[in-house]
């Protein structure tokens, strides 16, 4: 990954690029391993961001539910 990108959409886009590269037959073993390793790291970041978003939505929903009960 040449640039540090932190938003979910950019991470997902890079994952797609990696997937496309790995599907090509002209990528060597060493490059494939590097791409796969980068993909794993990006995948973990994506899951982390999704979990954070889910937690935030749950918190907002609870807060909203409390406000509507008053």
Protein backbone atom coordinates (compact mmCIF):
# COMPACT_ATOMS: atom_id res chain seq x y z
CA UNK A 1 0.00 0.00 0.00
CA UNK A 2 1.72 3.16 -1.13
CA UNK A 3 -0.54 5.69 0.60
CA UNK A 4 -2.07 5.53 4.04
CA UNK A 5 -5.81 5.59 3.51
CA UNK A 6 -8.06 5.43 6.49
CA UNK A 7 -11.63 5.57 5.26
CA UNK A 8 -13.57 2.39 4.69
CA UNK A 9 -14.27 3.04 1.02
CA UNK A 10 -10.59 3.54 0.17
CA UNK A 11 -9.63 0.41 2.10
CA UNK A 12 -12.27 -1.59 0.26
CA UNK A 13 -11.17 -0.18 -3.08
CA UNK A 14 -7.58 -1.24 -2.40
CA UNK A 15 -8.77 -4.70 -1.40
CA UNK A 16 -10.54 -4.97 -4.76
CA UNK A 17 -7.38 -3.87 -6.56
CA UNK A 18 -5.40 -6.54 -4.71
CA UNK A 19 -7.99 -9.17 -5.56
CA UNK A 20 -7.84 -8.19 -9.23
CA UNK A 21 -4.04 -8.37 -9.21
CA UNK A 22 -4.02 -11.79 -7.55
CA UNK A 23 -6.41 -13.15 -10.17
CA UNK A 24 -3.98 -12.27 -12.94
CA UNK A 25 -1.70 -15.05 -14.06
CA UNK A 26 1.36 -12.82 -14.52
CA UNK A 27 1.88 -12.04 -10.82
CA UNK A 28 4.84 -13.92 -9.36
CA UNK A 29 4.82 -15.90 -6.15
CA UNK A 30 6.72 -13.30 -4.10
CA UNK A 31 4.44 -10.49 -5.28
CA UNK A 32 1.39 -12.64 -4.63
CA UNK A 33 2.49 -13.25 -1.05
CA UNK A 34 3.08 -9.53 -0.47
CA UNK A 35 -0.31 -8.67 -1.95
CA UNK A 36 -2.02 -11.36 0.11
CA UNK A 37 -0.36 -10.07 3.28
CA UNK A 38 -1.47 -6.51 2.50
CA UNK A 39 -4.97 -7.79 1.79
CA UNK A 40 -5.15 -9.53 5.17
CA UNK A 41 -4.10 -6.32 6.95
CA UNK A 42 -6.65 -4.28 5.01
CA UNK A 43 -9.35 -6.85 5.69
CA UNK A 44 -8.69 -6.59 9.43
CA UNK A 45 -8.90 -2.80 9.22
CA UNK A 46 -12.20 -3.05 7.35
CA UNK A 47 -13.68 -5.39 9.95
CA UNK A 48 -12.49 -3.07 12.71
CA UNK A 49 -14.13 -0.09 11.01
CA UNK A 50 -17.36 -2.03 10.49
CA UNK A 51 -17.42 -3.09 14.14
CA UNK A 52 -16.82 0.51 15.23
CA UNK A 53 -19.64 1.69 13.00
CA UNK A 54 -21.97 -0.99 14.36
CA UNK A 55 -21.13 0.02 17.92
CA UNK A 56 -21.73 3.69 17.14
CA UNK A 57 -25.09 2.91 15.54
CA UNK A 58 -26.09 0.81 18.56
CA UNK A 59 -25.14 3.66 20.89
CA UNK A 60 -27.10 6.17 18.83
CA UNK A 61 -30.12 3.86 18.74
CA UNK A 62 -30.02 3.42 22.53
CA UNK A 63 -29.72 7.16 22.99
CA UNK A 64 -32.62 7.74 20.64
CA UNK A 65 -34.73 5.11 22.40
CA UNK A 66 -34.05 6.78 25.75
CA UNK A 67 -35.04 10.17 24.38
CA UNK A 68 -38.30 8.88 22.91
CA UNK A 69 -39.29 7.20 26.18
CA UNK A 70 -39.37 10.52 28.05
